[in-house]
C-alpha cells in the first residue's frame, strides 16, 4: 500500500457535500425513499438502546430531521413500544417528505403534542429537533427542549447529529443535546468528530441509506484516519537492512530550561524506528549524553544545523524565541530537506513575516503541527476563530504555508496543500498533558526518515499517537495522569502490533 491508501478511508462530509449527494439521489427516477430508510435504520438502533425498556419520547423539530423522527416513532409503535411525540414546529411549514411522515404517523393512531409531557420518564429520548442545516444559536422553546432532554436520566438517540451541534465544525450553537448515541445518515460529518462533537455525539453509527458517495470527491469531502495509514506509511522491514536504511532525524531545540522537550522528541523518533537520531540544543549547558536513552546523539544547535544530510530536520521542541533560536530556525528553513516545524518554531514564524514567507517558498516538504493558539498566531486571528471551523483553519494553514498541517485537539484535522483533509478520532482527554506535542513531532519525523511521504507520515503519526493514548487510558483505568514519556513506549508497542500482528 502507498499514498492511494488515503483515498480508501471512510468519507466525512461537510454539509455542502451531503446536500450535493442528496440532490443527485433525488434526481433518480423514481427518487429513493431516504427519509423512510433513515427512520427505519434509526428505529432499529432505538430498539437496541431501549433494551428491556418500553417508553420512548420522540422530539420532532420543524424540518426534515423532524420527518425522520416521525418515521422512527411510527416504526417503534409498530413494534409495540409506548411512543409519545413532542412536535416543535408548524405542520404547514413542513416539507413534502416530512409532512408525509407526520401524516403516516397519525394514520397509525399516533398523536403529537406541543407541550412537554408532565413527569416525563422515558426509557429513551429520540432527538429529532435539528439536523445538519442548523446555523443559528438555539434559543427559546427549542433551548428549553434541549435542557429538558439533557436533564433526564434516559438514554438519548440523536438523529443525524445532536441538535444544537454545528455539523461542519463541532461547535455548540448556544446549547446542544448530549446524546448516548447518534445515528448519522449517508456519511460521517466532521462536527461529530472534532471540537465539542465527541462530548455530545456518544456512540456513532453511520447508515449510508444505500446512497453511493463514490462519485463525489470535491474539497467538501474529507476522510477519517484509521490503521490503514500506518500500514501504508511503514511496510514490514526487510531482513537485509541496516540503520542507514531507516534514515537520520535531526532535532533542533532545547533552549535553557526546555531541554526536556527536545529529548522527548528525540526519544520518540528513536523508538519509533529512525535509524539514527540527533538532538541539537540551544542551551550551552545542555547534557552531552542522555543517560536514559544513550543511543541519542547530542550536539549543539550550531553543530546540528551544519550536518550534511539528515533525512529530515525538526525545529521547535523547546526552541525558545531568542535571537539565536531565530537564527537557527532561519537556517533550518533554508535547508533543502524535509522539515517538521512545531512549538516555538511556529511562534517565531508567526511573529516574523520574513520567516513565514520563507516557509511558504520552500520547494521541499514542510510539516507543521500547531495547536489552536499557535494556528491563530500563524493566521493572525484569535484562537476562538480557529476553533469556529477547524477544518477550514487547517486547510487555510496548509494552503498559506504550502505545508502538510495537523491542527491538534479533539478530532485533530490533517490537511495537505492540495486541499485534501482528514479527521483523526484516536486519542483521549488524558493527552492534554505537557510534552505530548513533542512526542508527536518525533513520531512524524521518524516516519519521514523511514521513507513515508509527508502526508502519510503525518496521518500515520497522528493516528498512532492517539492509539498510544488510548492504550494507556485502558491500562490506567482512566485518562488522569497520563504522561508524554509513557506515550513513546506505548506508541512503539502499537506500531509493532499493527505492522507485525501475532500469527
Foldseek 3Di string as FASTA:
>chain_A
DAPCLQVVFFKAFAPVLVVVLQVVQVVDVPRDLLLLLLLVVLLVVVVVLCVPFQEEEEEAAAESLNLSSLSSQQVSVVVVGHYAYAYHHDLVRYDPSSNVSNVVSVVVVYDYHNDDDPPDQGQEYEDSHDAQPDDAADDDPRVVVQVVQQPHPHAYEYEQAWPQAHQQQLDGRNDTAQHLAYERELGHTVNCFDDNNVRRHHHYDYDNSPRDSVVDDDLRMAGAFDLSLLCRLDADDDPPDALQLQWEEEEEAAAPPQPVLQVLLQLLLVLLGHSAYEYAHCHPPDDQADPVCRRYGYHHLVVRLPDDDTQEYEYARNHDQDPVSVVSLQSNLPDLHEYEYEHVSLVNCLVDVVSQVSQLPHPHAYEYEEELCSLCSNVVHHSVVCSVRVLVSQQVVCCSRVYFYWHDDRQIKTAGNVSHIYTYRAADPLCPEPSLVSSLSSQLSSSSRNPHDNNSSNSNSVNLLRNLRVVVCVVVVHSPPDDSSSSSVSSSVVSCCSNPPDD
